[in-house]
Amino acid sequence: MPLWTLRGLRRGIVTTRYPARPDPSSALLPTPPAFRPEVLTPGLADRLVAVCPSRALARDGDLLVFDVGACTACGRCQAEAPHAAGDSGEFELAATVREHLVKRIPLGGRSA
């Protein structure tokens, strides 16, 4: 380990002010999509599931199941349906329970 690294650790020097102050570069990070349930139809949901390379999307009846933990934020769903999926802007996705990363989105505005 380089000497300057040890010296910085000993002195408590940090390279960012996070989490006290968000780093400005966080605005440039790719983030998982946010879906608009009111425009999601079963056909559109099937198309979104088909284009997702990480299998973060699945369809369960009248629900689009979105596994945020599996999403790589590739943007293919946003390219396929920009009116139904947009940037969430969320990059802090920690959860203590795995199931909290799975979102169930109703299709066509129907509640589940």
PDB file of N, CA and C in Angstrom:
ATOM      1  N   MET A   1       0.853  -1.181   0.000  1.00  0.00           N
ATOM      2  CA  MET A   1       0.000   0.000   0.000  1.00  0.00           C
ATOM      3  C   MET A   1       0.896   1.241   0.000  1.00  0.00           C
ATOM      4  N   PRO A   2       0.629   2.193  -0.881  1.00  0.00           N
ATOM      5  CA  PRO A   2       1.467   3.393  -0.938  1.00  0.00           C
ATOM      6  C   PRO A   2       1.452   4.153   0.392  1.00  0.00           C
ATOM      7  N   LEU A   3       2.553   4.800   0.672  1.00  0.00           N
ATOM      8  CA  LEU A   3       2.708   5.537   1.925  1.00  0.00           C
ATOM      9  C   LEU A   3       1.690   6.661   2.058  1.00  0.00           C
ATOM     10  N   TRP A   4       1.367   7.344   0.949  1.00  0.00           N
ATOM     11  CA  TRP A   4       0.414   8.450   1.037  1.00  0.00           C
ATOM     12  C   TRP A   4      -0.973   7.964   1.416  1.00  0.00           C
ATOM     13  N   THR A   5      -1.324   6.705   1.059  1.00  0.00           N
ATOM     14  CA  THR A   5      -2.617   6.157   1.452  1.00  0.00           C
ATOM     15  C   THR A   5      -2.659   5.962   2.961  1.00  0.00           C
ATOM     16  N   LEU A   6      -1.619   5.391   3.508  1.00  0.00           N
ATOM     17  CA  LEU A   6      -1.561   5.188   4.959  1.00  0.00           C
ATOM     18  C   LEU A   6      -1.580   6.518   5.707  1.00  0.00           C
ATOM     19  N   ARG A   7      -0.864   7.499   5.192  1.00  0.00           N
ATOM     20  CA  ARG A   7      -0.831   8.810   5.817  1.00  0.00           C
ATOM     21  C   ARG A   7      -2.227   9.445   5.803  1.00  0.00           C
ATOM     22  N   GLY A   8      -2.931   9.311   4.680  1.00  0.00           N
ATOM     23  CA  GLY A   8      -4.281   9.871   4.596  1.00  0.00           C
ATOM     24  C   GLY A   8      -5.248   9.170   5.530  1.00  0.00           C
ATOM     25  N   LEU A   9      -5.151   7.850   5.647  1.00  0.00           N
ATOM     26  CA  LEU A   9      -6.013   7.117   6.573  1.00  0.00           C
ATOM     27  C   LEU A   9      -5.735   7.518   8.025  1.00  0.00           C
ATOM     28  N   ARG A  10      -4.463   7.680   8.350  1.00  0.00           N
ATOM     29  CA  ARG A  10      -4.090   8.065   9.711  1.00  0.00           C
ATOM     30  C   ARG A  10      -4.623   9.451  10.062  1.00  0.00           C
ATOM     31  N   ARG A  11      -4.611  10.356   9.105  1.00  0.00           N
ATOM     32  CA  ARG A  11      -5.061  11.728   9.357  1.00  0.00           C
ATOM     33  C   ARG A  11      -6.573  11.881   9.210  1.00  0.00           C
ATOM     34  N   GLY A  12      -7.240  10.877   8.683  1.00  0.00           N
ATOM     35  CA  GLY A  12      -8.692  10.953   8.519  1.00  0.00           C
ATOM     36  C   GLY A  12      -9.120  11.774   7.321  1.00  0.00           C
ATOM     37  N   ILE A  13      -8.284  11.848   6.313  1.00  0.00           N
ATOM     38  CA  ILE A  13      -8.604  12.634   5.118  1.00  0.00           C
ATOM     39  C   ILE A  13      -9.560  11.831   4.244  1.00  0.00           C
ATOM     40  N   VAL A  14     -10.621  12.483   3.825  1.00  0.00           N
ATOM     41  CA  VAL A  14     -11.566  11.838   2.921  1.00  0.00           C
ATOM     42  C   VAL A  14     -11.587  12.601   1.608  1.00  0.00           C
ATOM     43  N   THR A  15     -12.020  11.947   0.556  1.00  0.00           N
ATOM     44  CA  THR A  15     -12.020  12.589  -0.752  1.00  0.00           C
ATOM     45  C   THR A  15     -13.392  13.102  -1.153  1.00  0.00           C
ATOM     46  N   THR A  16     -14.376  12.874  -0.324  1.00  0.00           N
ATOM     47  CA  THR A  16     -15.717  13.342  -0.640  1.00  0.00           C
ATOM     48  C   THR A  16     -16.416  13.775   0.642  1.00  0.00           C
ATOM     49  N   ARG A  17     -17.428  14.575   0.522  1.00  0.00           N
ATOM     50  CA  ARG A  17     -18.187  15.048   1.685  1.00  0.00           C
ATOM     51  C   ARG A  17     -19.453  14.217   1.909  1.00  0.00           C
ATOM     52  N   TYR A  18     -19.626  13.177   1.099  1.00  0.00           N
ATOM     53  CA  TYR A  18     -20.800  12.319   1.218  1.00  0.00           C
ATOM     54  C   TYR A  18     -20.760  11.576   2.544  1.00  0.00           C
ATOM     55  N   PRO A  19     -21.850  11.396   3.252  1.00  0.00           N
ATOM     56  CA  PRO A  19     -23.237  11.703   2.941  1.00  0.00           C
ATOM     57  C   PRO A  19     -23.708  13.065   3.434  1.00  0.00           C
ATOM     58  N   ALA A  20     -22.820  13.823   4.108  1.00  0.00           N
ATOM     59  CA  ALA A  20     -23.241  15.132   4.602  1.00  0.00           C
ATOM     60  C   ALA A  20     -23.682  16.049   3.471  1.00  0.00           C
ATOM     61  N   ARG A  21     -22.987  15.945   2.349  1.00  0.00           N
ATOM     62  CA  ARG A  21     -23.314  16.758   1.178  1.00  0.00           C
ATOM     63  C   ARG A  21     -23.153  15.881  -0.054  1.00  0.00           C
ATOM     64  N   PRO A  22     -24.225  15.691  -0.829  1.00  0.00           N
ATOM     65  CA  PRO A  22     -24.113  14.829  -2.009  1.00  0.00           C
ATOM     66  C   PRO A  22     -23.049  15.338  -2.979  1.00  0.00           C
ATOM     67  N   ASP A  23     -22.368  14.413  -3.570  1.00  0.00           N
ATOM     68  CA  ASP A  23     -21.345  14.742  -4.554  1.00  0.00           C
ATOM     69  C   ASP A  23     -22.040  15.209  -5.832  1.00  0.00           C
ATOM     70  N   PRO A  24     -21.615  16.316  -6.434  1.00  0.00           N
ATOM     71  CA  PRO A  24     -22.262  16.808  -7.663  1.00  0.00           C
ATOM     72  C   PRO A  24     -22.234  15.789  -8.804  1.00  0.00           C
ATOM     73  N   SER A  25     -21.240  14.914  -8.817  1.00  0.00           N
ATOM     74  CA  SER A  25     -21.158  13.938  -9.897  1.00  0.00           C
ATOM     75  C   SER A  25     -22.254  12.876  -9.803  1.00  0.00           C
ATOM     76  N   SER A  26     -22.966  12.793  -8.683  1.00  0.00           N
ATOM     77  CA  SER A  26     -24.040  11.802  -8.559  1.00  0.00           C
ATOM     78  C   SER A  26     -25.169  12.080  -9.552  1.00  0.00           C
ATOM     79  N   ALA A  27     -25.287  13.302 -10.017  1.00  0.00           N
ATOM     80  CA  ALA A  27     -26.314  13.628 -11.006  1.00  0.00           C
ATOM     81  C   ALA A  27     -26.025  12.957 -12.352  1.00  0.00           C
ATOM     82  N   LEU A  28     -24.789  12.542 -12.563  1.00  0.00           N
ATOM     83  CA  LEU A  28     -24.405  11.900 -13.824  1.00  0.00           C
ATOM     84  C   LEU A  28     -24.522  10.382 -13.779  1.00  0.00           C
ATOM     85  N   LEU A  29     -24.825   9.827 -12.617  1.00  0.00           N
ATOM     86  CA  LEU A  29     -24.922   8.371 -12.489  1.00  0.00           C
ATOM     87  C   LEU A  29     -26.173   7.842 -13.183  1.00  0.00           C
ATOM     88  N   PRO A  30     -26.072   6.703 -13.839  1.00  0.00           N
ATOM     89  CA  PRO A  30     -27.296   6.084 -14.378  1.00  0.00           C
ATOM     90  C   PRO A  30     -28.115   5.543 -13.213  1.00  0.00           C
ATOM     91  N   THR A  31     -29.414   5.737 -13.269  1.00  0.00           N
ATOM     92  CA  THR A  31     -30.285   5.281 -12.191  1.00  0.00           C
ATOM     93  C   THR A  31     -31.353   4.358 -12.755  1.00  0.00           C
ATOM     94  N   PRO A  32     -31.888   3.475 -11.917  1.00  0.00           N
ATOM     95  CA  PRO A  32     -32.974   2.601 -12.376  1.00  0.00           C
ATOM     96  C   PRO A  32     -34.170   3.435 -12.816  1.00  0.00           C
ATOM     97  N   PRO A  33     -35.007   2.877 -13.673  1.00  0.00           N
ATOM     98  CA  PRO A  33     -36.159   3.641 -14.162  1.00  0.00           C
ATOM     99  C   PRO A  33     -37.264   3.756 -13.130  1.00  0.00           C
ATOM    100  N   ALA A  34     -38.117   4.730 -13.352  1.00  0.00           N
ATOM    101  CA  ALA A  34     -39.376   4.864 -12.624  1.00  0.00           C
ATOM    102  C   ALA A  34     -40.472   4.685 -13.664  1.00  0.00           C
ATOM    103  N   PHE A  35     -41.418   3.823 -13.366  1.00  0.00           N
ATOM    104  CA  PHE A  35     -42.474   3.502 -14.320  1.00  0.00           C
ATOM    105  C   PHE A  35     -43.748   4.272 -14.003  1.00  0.00           C
ATOM    106  N   ARG A  36     -44.494   4.636 -15.055  1.00  0.00           N
ATOM    107  CA  ARG A  36     -45.775   5.345 -14.903  1.00  0.00           C
ATOM    108  C   ARG A  36     -46.903   4.330 -15.102  1.00  0.00           C
ATOM    109  N   PRO A  37     -47.529   3.887 -13.997  1.00  0.00           N
ATOM    110  CA  PRO A  37     -48.543   2.834 -14.090  1.00  0.00           C
ATOM    111  C   PRO A  37     -49.726   3.197 -14.976  1.00  0.00           C
ATOM    112  N   GLU A  38     -50.055   4.476 -15.044  1.00  0.00           N
ATOM    113  CA  GLU A  38     -51.243   4.877 -15.809  1.00  0.00           C
ATOM    114  C   GLU A  38     -51.096   4.655 -17.304  1.00  0.00           C
ATOM    115  N   VAL A  39     -49.872   4.533 -17.805  1.00  0.00           N
ATOM    116  CA  VAL A  39     -49.681   4.296 -19.240  1.00  0.00           C
ATOM    117  C   VAL A  39     -49.211   2.880 -19.553  1.00  0.00           C
ATOM    118  N   LEU A  40     -48.949   2.084 -18.530  1.00  0.00           N
ATOM    119  CA  LEU A  40     -48.521   0.705 -18.761  1.00  0.00           C
ATOM    120  C   LEU A  40     -49.702  -0.168 -19.139  1.00  0.00           C
ATOM    121  N   THR A  41     -49.586  -0.840 -20.254  1.00  0.00           N
ATOM    122  CA  THR A  41     -50.597  -1.799 -20.705  1.00  0.00           C
ATOM    123  C   THR A  41     -49.958  -3.190 -20.679  1.00  0.00           C
ATOM    124  N   PRO A  42     -50.750  -4.244 -20.720  1.00  0.00           N
ATOM    125  CA  PRO A  42     -50.154  -5.583 -20.745  1.00  0.00           C
ATOM    126  C   PRO A  42     -49.194  -5.790 -21.927  1.00  0.00           C
ATOM    127  N   GLY A  43     -49.552  -5.288 -23.100  1.00  0.00           N
ATOM    128  CA  GLY A  43     -48.680  -5.428 -24.266  1.00  0.00           C
ATOM    129  C   GLY A  43     -47.367  -4.679 -24.092  1.00  0.00           C
ATOM    130  N   LEU A  44     -47.446  -3.469 -23.560  1.00  0.00           N
ATOM    131  CA  LEU A  44     -46.242  -2.680 -23.324  1.00  0.00           C
ATOM    132  C   LEU A  44     -45.377  -3.344 -22.256  1.00  0.00           C
ATOM    133  N   ALA A  45     -46.003  -3.871 -21.225  1.00  0.00           N
ATOM    134  CA  ALA A  45     -45.250  -4.564 -20.170  1.00  0.00           C
ATOM    135  C   ALA A  45     -44.510  -5.765 -20.751  1.00  0.00           C
ATOM    136  N   ASP A  46     -45.151  -6.504 -21.636  1.00  0.00           N
ATOM    137  CA  ASP A  46     -44.494  -7.644 -22.271  1.00  0.00           C
ATOM    138  C   ASP A  46     -43.302  -7.208 -23.111  1.00  0.00           C
ATOM    139  N   ARG A  47     -43.414  -6.073 -23.803  1.00  0.00           N
ATOM    140  CA  ARG A  47     -42.293  -5.548 -24.586  1.00  0.00           C
ATOM    141  C   ARG A  47     -41.134  -5.138 -23.681  1.00  0.00           C
ATOM    142  N   LEU A  48     -41.454  -4.518 -22.549  1.00  0.00           N
ATOM    143  CA  LEU A  48     -40.416  -4.100 -21.608  1.00  0.00           C
ATOM    144  C   LEU A  48     -39.694  -5.305 -21.013  1.00  0.00           C
ATOM    145  N   VAL A  49     -40.451  -6.337 -20.686  1.00  0.00           N
ATOM    146  CA  VAL A  49     -39.845  -7.568 -20.159  1.00  0.00           C
ATOM    147  C   VAL A  49     -38.916  -8.181 -21.204  1.00  0.00           C
ATOM    148  N   ALA A  50     -39.317  -8.139 -22.466  1.00  0.00           N
ATOM    149  CA  ALA A  50     -38.519  -8.741 -23.539  1.00  0.00           C
ATOM    150  C   ALA A  50     -37.193  -8.013 -23.764  1.00  0.00           C
ATOM    151  N   VAL A  51     -37.147  -6.694 -23.550  1.00  0.00           N
ATOM    152  CA  VAL A  51     -35.909  -5.950 -23.827  1.00  0.00           C
ATOM    153  C   VAL A  51     -34.964  -5.891 -22.627  1.00  0.00           C
ATOM    154  N   CYS A  52     -35.391  -6.324 -21.466  1.00  0.00           N
ATOM    155  CA  CYS A  52     -34.566  -6.221 -20.256  1.00  0.00           C
ATOM    156  C   CYS A  52     -33.509  -7.331 -20.237  1.00  0.00           C
ATOM    157  N   PRO A  53     -32.216  -6.971 -20.384  1.00  0.00           N
ATOM    158  CA  PRO A  53     -31.170  -7.992 -20.428  1.00  0.00           C
ATOM    159  C   PRO A  53     -30.856  -8.608 -19.069  1.00  0.00           C
ATOM    160  N   SER A  54     -31.173  -7.917 -17.984  1.00  0.00           N
ATOM    161  CA  SER A  54     -30.831  -8.417 -16.648  1.00  0.00           C
ATOM    162  C   SER A  54     -31.976  -9.169 -15.983  1.00  0.00           C
ATOM    163  N   ARG A  55     -33.086  -9.296 -16.699  1.00  0.00           N
ATOM    164  CA  ARG A  55     -34.286  -9.962 -16.179  1.00  0.00           C
ATOM    165  C   ARG A  55     -34.793  -9.307 -14.897  1.00  0.00           C
ATOM    166  N   ALA A  56     -34.658  -7.999 -14.824  1.00  0.00           N
ATOM    167  CA  ALA A  56     -35.159  -7.249 -13.676  1.00  0.00           C
ATOM    168  C   ALA A  56     -36.662  -7.017 -13.788  1.00  0.00           C
ATOM    169  N   LEU A  57     -37.221  -7.226 -14.972  1.00  0.00           N
ATOM    170  CA  LEU A  57     -38.643  -7.040 -15.195  1.00  0.00           C
ATOM    171  C   LEU A  57     -39.307  -8.380 -15.469  1.00  0.00           C
ATOM    172  N   ALA A  58     -40.494  -8.540 -14.910  1.00  0.00           N
ATOM    173  CA  ALA A  58     -41.299  -9.737 -15.153  1.00  0.00           C
ATOM    174  C   ALA A  58     -42.757  -9.307 -15.080  1.00  0.00           C
ATOM    175  N   ARG A  59     -43.604 -10.098 -15.688  1.00  0.00           N
ATOM    176  CA  ARG A  59     -45.033  -9.784 -15.647  1.00  0.00           C
ATOM    177  C   ARG A  59     -45.747 -10.869 -14.858  1.00  0.00           C
ATOM    178  N   ASP A  60     -46.585 -10.430 -13.929  1.00  0.00           N
ATOM    179  CA  ASP A  60     -47.367 -11.340 -13.095  1.00  0.00           C
ATOM    180  C   ASP A  60     -48.822 -10.905 -13.175  1.00  0.00           C
ATOM    181  N   GLY A  61     -49.543 -11.416 -14.159  1.00  0.00           N
ATOM    182  CA  GLY A  61     -50.943 -11.030 -14.345  1.00  0.00           C
ATOM    183  C   GLY A  61     -51.053  -9.565 -14.716  1.00  0.00           C
ATOM    184  N   ASP A  62     -51.732  -8.800 -13.873  1.00  0.00           N
ATOM    185  CA  ASP A  62     -51.916  -7.368 -14.109  1.00  0.00           C
ATOM    186  C   ASP A  62     -50.864  -6.523 -13.402  1.00  0.00           C
ATOM    187  N   LEU A  63     -49.710  -7.114 -13.131  1.00  0.00           N
ATOM    188  CA  LEU A  63     -48.635  -6.395 -12.459  1.00  0.00           C
ATOM    189  C   LEU A  63     -47.345  -6.502 -13.262  1.00  0.00           C
ATOM    190  N   LEU A  64     -46.572  -5.423 -13.247  1.00  0.00           N
ATOM    191  CA  LEU A  64     -45.210  -5.445 -13.749  1.00  0.00           C
ATOM    192  C   LEU A  64     -44.330  -5.549 -12.508  1.00  0.00           C
ATOM    193  N   VAL A  65     -43.573  -6.624 -12.387  1.00  0.00           N
ATOM    194  CA  VAL A  65     -42.708  -6.829 -11.232  1.00  0.00           C
ATOM    195  C   VAL A  65     -41.315  -6.328 -11.604  1.00  0.00           C
ATOM    196  N   PHE A  66     -40.839  -5.340 -10.845  1.00  0.00           N
ATOM    197  CA  PHE A  66     -39.560  -4.693 -11.118  1.00  0.00           C
ATOM    198  C   PHE A  66     -38.605  -4.958  -9.959  1.00  0.00           C
ATOM    199  N   ASP A  67     -37.540  -5.701 -10.226  1.00  0.00           N
ATOM    200  CA  ASP A  67     -36.525  -6.006  -9.222  1.00  0.00           C
ATOM    201  C   ASP A  67     -35.406  -4.979  -9.353  1.00  0.00           C
ATOM    202  N   VAL A  68     -35.441  -3.973  -8.499  1.00  0.00           N
ATOM    203  CA  VAL A  68     -34.469  -2.884  -8.566  1.00  0.00           C
ATOM    204  C   VAL A  68     -33.057  -3.402  -8.297  1.00  0.00           C
ATOM    205  N   GLY A  69     -32.947  -4.432  -7.461  1.00  0.00           N
ATOM    206  CA  GLY A  69     -31.642  -4.997  -7.150  1.00  0.00           C
ATOM    207  C   GLY A  69     -30.990  -5.691  -8.336  1.00  0.00           C
ATOM    208  N   ALA A  70     -31.770  -6.159  -9.273  1.00  0.00           N
ATOM    209  CA  ALA A  70     -31.233  -6.828 -10.460  1.00  0.00           C
ATOM    210  C   ALA A  70     -31.024  -5.857 -11.619  1.00  0.00           C
ATOM    211  N   CYS A  71     -31.612  -4.682 -11.553  1.00  0.00           N
ATOM    212  CA  CYS A  71     -31.538  -3.708 -12.639  1.00  0.00           C
ATOM    213  C   CYS A  71     -30.117  -3.157 -12.769  1.00  0.00           C
ATOM    214  N   THR A  72     -29.630  -3.105 -14.003  1.00  0.00           N
ATOM    215  CA  THR A  72     -28.302  -2.545 -14.277  1.00  0.00           C
ATOM    216  C   THR A  72     -28.374  -1.111 -14.806  1.00  0.00           C
ATOM    217  N   ALA A  73     -29.569  -0.549 -14.868  1.00  0.00           N
ATOM    218  CA  ALA A  73     -29.791   0.813 -15.358  1.00  0.00           C
ATOM    219  C   ALA A  73     -29.244   0.996 -16.767  1.00  0.00           C
ATOM    220  N   CYS A  74     -29.480  -0.011 -17.619  1.00  0.00           N
ATOM    221  CA  CYS A  74     -28.974   0.041 -18.997  1.00  0.00           C
ATOM    222  C   CYS A  74     -29.753   1.031 -19.861  1.00  0.00           C
ATOM    223  N   GLY A  75     -30.999   1.311 -19.502  1.00  0.00           N
ATOM    224  CA  GLY A  75     -31.793   2.275 -20.244  1.00  0.00           C
ATOM    225  C   GLY A  75     -32.588   1.705 -21.403  1.00  0.00           C
ATOM    226  N   ARG A  76     -32.559   0.396 -21.600  1.00  0.00           N
ATOM    227  CA  ARG A  76     -33.283  -0.191 -22.733  1.00  0.00           C
ATOM    228  C   ARG A  76     -34.795  -0.055 -22.578  1.00  0.00           C
ATOM    229  N   CYS A  77     -35.301  -0.165 -21.356  1.00  0.00           N
ATOM    230  CA  CYS A  77     -36.745  -0.007 -21.163  1.00  0.00           C
ATOM    231  C   CYS A  77     -37.155   1.447 -21.423  1.00  0.00           C
ATOM    232  N   GLN A  78     -36.294   2.387 -21.064  1.00  0.00           N
ATOM    233  CA  GLN A  78     -36.588   3.790 -21.324  1.00  0.00           C
ATOM    234  C   GLN A  78     -36.539   4.096 -22.810  1.00  0.00           C
ATOM    235  N   ALA A  79     -35.647   3.444 -23.534  1.00  0.00           N
ATOM    236  CA  ALA A  79     -35.580   3.635 -24.977  1.00  0.00           C
ATOM    237  C   ALA A  79     -36.785   3.002 -25.667  1.00  0.00           C
ATOM    238  N   GLU A  80     -37.258   1.878 -25.152  1.00  0.00           N
ATOM    239  CA  GLU A  80     -38.402   1.182 -25.731  1.00  0.00           C
ATOM    240  C   GLU A  80     -39.706   1.950 -25.505  1.00  0.00           C
ATOM    241  N   ALA A  81     -39.860   2.530 -24.327  1.00  0.00           N
ATOM    242  CA  ALA A  81     -41.104   3.230 -23.993  1.00  0.00           C
ATOM    243  C   ALA A  81     -40.802   4.474 -23.157  1.00  0.00           C
ATOM    244  N   PRO A  82     -40.317   5.542 -23.792  1.00  0.00           N
ATOM    245  CA  PRO A  82     -39.962   6.747 -23.031  1.00  0.00           C
ATOM    246  C   PRO A  82     -41.159   7.403 -22.347  1.00  0.00           C
ATOM    247  N   HIS A  83     -42.360   7.151 -22.849  1.00  0.00           N
ATOM    248  CA  HIS A  83     -43.548   7.727 -22.217  1.00  0.00           C
ATOM    249  C   HIS A  83     -43.962   6.949 -20.967  1.00  0.00           C
ATOM    250  N   ALA A  84     -43.454   5.723 -20.797  1.00  0.00           N
ATOM    251  CA  ALA A  84     -43.847   4.883 -19.664  1.00  0.00           C
ATOM    252  C   ALA A  84     -42.741   4.709 -18.634  1.00  0.00           C
ATOM    253  N   ALA A  85     -41.500   4.974 -19.012  1.00  0.00           N
ATOM    254  CA  ALA A  85     -40.367   4.792 -18.101  1.00  0.00           C
ATOM    255  C   ALA A  85     -39.440   5.987 -18.202  1.00  0.00           C
ATOM    256  N   GLY A  86     -39.063   6.514 -17.056  1.00  0.00           N
ATOM    257  CA  GLY A  86     -38.149   7.642 -17.020  1.00  0.00           C
ATOM    258  C   GLY A  86     -37.114   7.435 -15.934  1.00  0.00           C
ATOM    259  N   ASP A  87     -36.165   8.337 -15.847  1.00  0.00           N
ATOM    260  CA  ASP A  87     -35.145   8.244 -14.804  1.00  0.00           C
ATOM    261  C   ASP A  87     -35.769   8.438 -13.432  1.00  0.00           C
ATOM    262  N   SER A  88     -35.375   7.595 -12.482  1.00  0.00           N
ATOM    263  CA  SER A  88     -35.874   7.749 -11.123  1.00  0.00           C
ATOM    264  C   SER A  88     -35.041   8.765 -10.361  1.00  0.00           C
ATOM    265  N   GLY A  89     -33.774   8.909 -10.733  1.00  0.00           N
ATOM    266  CA  GLY A  89     -32.895   9.821 -10.020  1.00  0.00           C
ATOM    267  C   GLY A  89     -32.409   9.257  -8.698  1.00  0.00           C
ATOM    268  N   GLU A  90     -32.807   8.037  -8.363  1.00  0.00           N
ATOM    269  CA  GLU A  90     -32.401   7.410  -7.105  1.00  0.00           C
ATOM    270  C   GLU A  90     -31.166   6.550  -7.337  1.00  0.00           C
ATOM    271  N   PHE A  91     -30.085   6.876  -6.655  1.00  0.00           N
ATOM    272  CA  PHE A  91     -28.895   6.042  -6.756  1.00  0.00           C
ATOM    273  C   PHE A  91     -28.551   5.406  -5.415  1.00  0.00           C
ATOM    274  N   GLU A  92     -29.216   5.822  -4.354  1.00  0.00           N
ATOM    275  CA  GLU A  92     -29.012   5.207  -3.042  1.00  0.00           C
ATOM    276  C   GLU A  92     -30.077   4.135  -2.872  1.00  0.00           C
ATOM    277  N   LEU A  93     -29.726   2.906  -3.146  1.00  0.00           N
ATOM    278  CA  LEU A  93     -30.706   1.832  -3.205  1.00  0.00           C
ATOM    279  C   LEU A  93     -30.481   0.761  -2.148  1.00  0.00           C
ATOM    280  N   ALA A  94     -29.851   1.101  -1.054  1.00  0.00           N
ATOM    281  CA  ALA A  94     -29.599   0.104  -0.019  1.00  0.00           C
ATOM    282  C   ALA A  94     -30.904  -0.304   0.654  1.00  0.00           C
ATOM    283  N   ALA A  95     -30.987  -1.580   1.013  1.00  0.00           N
ATOM    284  CA  ALA A  95     -32.149  -2.109   1.722  1.00  0.00           C
ATOM    285  C   ALA A  95     -31.669  -3.188   2.678  1.00  0.00           C
ATOM    286  N   THR A  96     -32.342  -3.313   3.799  1.00  0.00           N
ATOM    287  CA  THR A  96     -31.959  -4.348   4.757  1.00  0.00           C
ATOM    288  C   THR A  96     -32.643  -5.673   4.461  1.00  0.00           C
ATOM    289  N   VAL A  97     -33.721  -5.635   3.678  1.00  0.00           N
ATOM    290  CA  VAL A  97     -34.463  -6.831   3.301  1.00  0.00           C
ATOM    291  C   VAL A  97     -34.548  -6.872   1.781  1.00  0.00           C
ATOM    292  N   ARG A  98     -34.162  -7.986   1.187  1.00  0.00           N
ATOM    293  CA  ARG A  98     -34.125  -8.120  -0.275  1.00  0.00           C
ATOM    294  C   ARG A  98     -35.471  -7.822  -0.922  1.00  0.00           C
ATOM    295  N   GLU A  99     -36.560  -8.228  -0.294  1.00  0.00           N
ATOM    296  CA  GLU A  99     -37.898  -8.029  -0.862  1.00  0.00           C
ATOM    297  C   GLU A  99     -38.260  -6.547  -1.009  1.00  0.00           C
ATOM    298  N   HIS A 100     -37.585  -5.675  -0.258  1.00  0.00           N
ATOM    299  CA  HIS A 100     -37.876  -4.244  -0.374  1.00  0.00           C
ATOM    300  C   HIS A 100     -37.395  -3.661  -1.699  1.00  0.00           C
ATOM    301  N   LEU A 101     -36.559  -4.400  -2.415  1.00  0.00           N
ATOM    302  CA  LEU A 101     -36.071  -3.947  -3.714  1.00  0.00           C
ATOM    303  C   LEU A 101     -36.965  -4.390  -4.868  1.00  0.00           C
ATOM    304  N   VAL A 102     -38.000  -5.161  -4.573  1.00  0.00           N
ATOM    305  CA  VAL A 102     -38.913  -5.644  -5.601  1.00  0.00           C
ATOM    306  C   VAL A 102     -40.186  -4.807  -5.558  1.00  0.00           C
ATOM    307  N   LYS A 103     -40.481  -4.152  -6.681  1.00  0.00           N
ATOM    308  CA  LYS A 103     -41.668  -3.287  -6.766  1.00  0.00           C
ATOM    309  C   LYS A 103     -42.707  -3.943  -7.653  1.00  0.00           C
ATOM    310  N   ARG A 104     -43.956  -3.864  -7.243  1.00  0.00           N
ATOM    311  CA  ARG A 104     -45.070  -4.399  -8.020  1.00  0.00           C
ATOM    312  C   ARG A 104     -45.885  -3.228  -8.536  1.00  0.00           C
ATOM    313  N   ILE A 105     -45.858  -3.052  -9.845  1.00  0.00           N
ATOM    314  CA  ILE A 105     -46.469  -1.877 -10.483  1.00  0.00           C
ATOM    315  C   ILE A 105     -47.724  -2.332 -11.218  1.00  0.00           C
ATOM    316  N   PRO A 106     -48.892  -1.766 -10.858  1.00  0.00           N
ATOM    317  CA  PRO A 106     -50.137  -2.159 -11.539  1.00  0.00           C
ATOM    318  C   PRO A 106     -50.139  -1.657 -12.984  1.00  0.00           C
ATOM    319  N   LEU A 107     -50.715  -2.460 -13.868  1.00  0.00           N
ATOM    320  CA  LEU A 107     -50.821  -2.102 -15.277  1.00  0.00           C
ATOM    321  C   LEU A 107     -52.113  -1.328 -15.530  1.00  0.00           C
ATOM    322  N   GLY A 108     -52.019  -0.306 -16.319  1.00  0.00           N
ATOM    323  CA  GLY A 108     -53.185   0.462 -16.698  1.00  0.00           C
ATOM    324  C   GLY A 108     -53.881   1.178 -15.564  1.00  0.00           C
ATOM    325  N   GLY A 109     -53.142   1.457 -14.506  1.00  0.00           N
ATOM    326  CA  GLY A 109     -53.723   2.172 -13.382  1.00  0.00           C
ATOM    327  C   GLY A 109     -54.540   1.331 -12.445  1.00  0.00           C
ATOM    328  N   ARG A 110     -54.647   0.044 -12.705  1.00  0.00           N
ATOM    329  CA  ARG A 110     -55.400  -0.828 -11.805  1.00  0.00           C
ATOM    330  C   ARG A 110     -54.584  -1.088 -10.546  1.00  0.00           C
ATOM    331  N   SER A 111     -55.229  -1.033  -9.392  1.00  0.00           N
ATOM    332  CA  SER A 111     -54.516  -1.256  -8.132  1.00  0.00           C
ATOM    333  C   SER A 111     -54.365  -2.749  -7.871  1.00  0.00           C
ATOM    334  N   ALA A 112     -53.328  -3.078  -7.103  1.00  0.00           N
ATOM    335  CA  ALA A 112     -53.067  -4.493  -6.775  1.00  0.00           C
ATOM    336  C   ALA A 112     -53.060  -4.689  -5.284  1.00  0.00           C
TER     337      ALA A 112
END
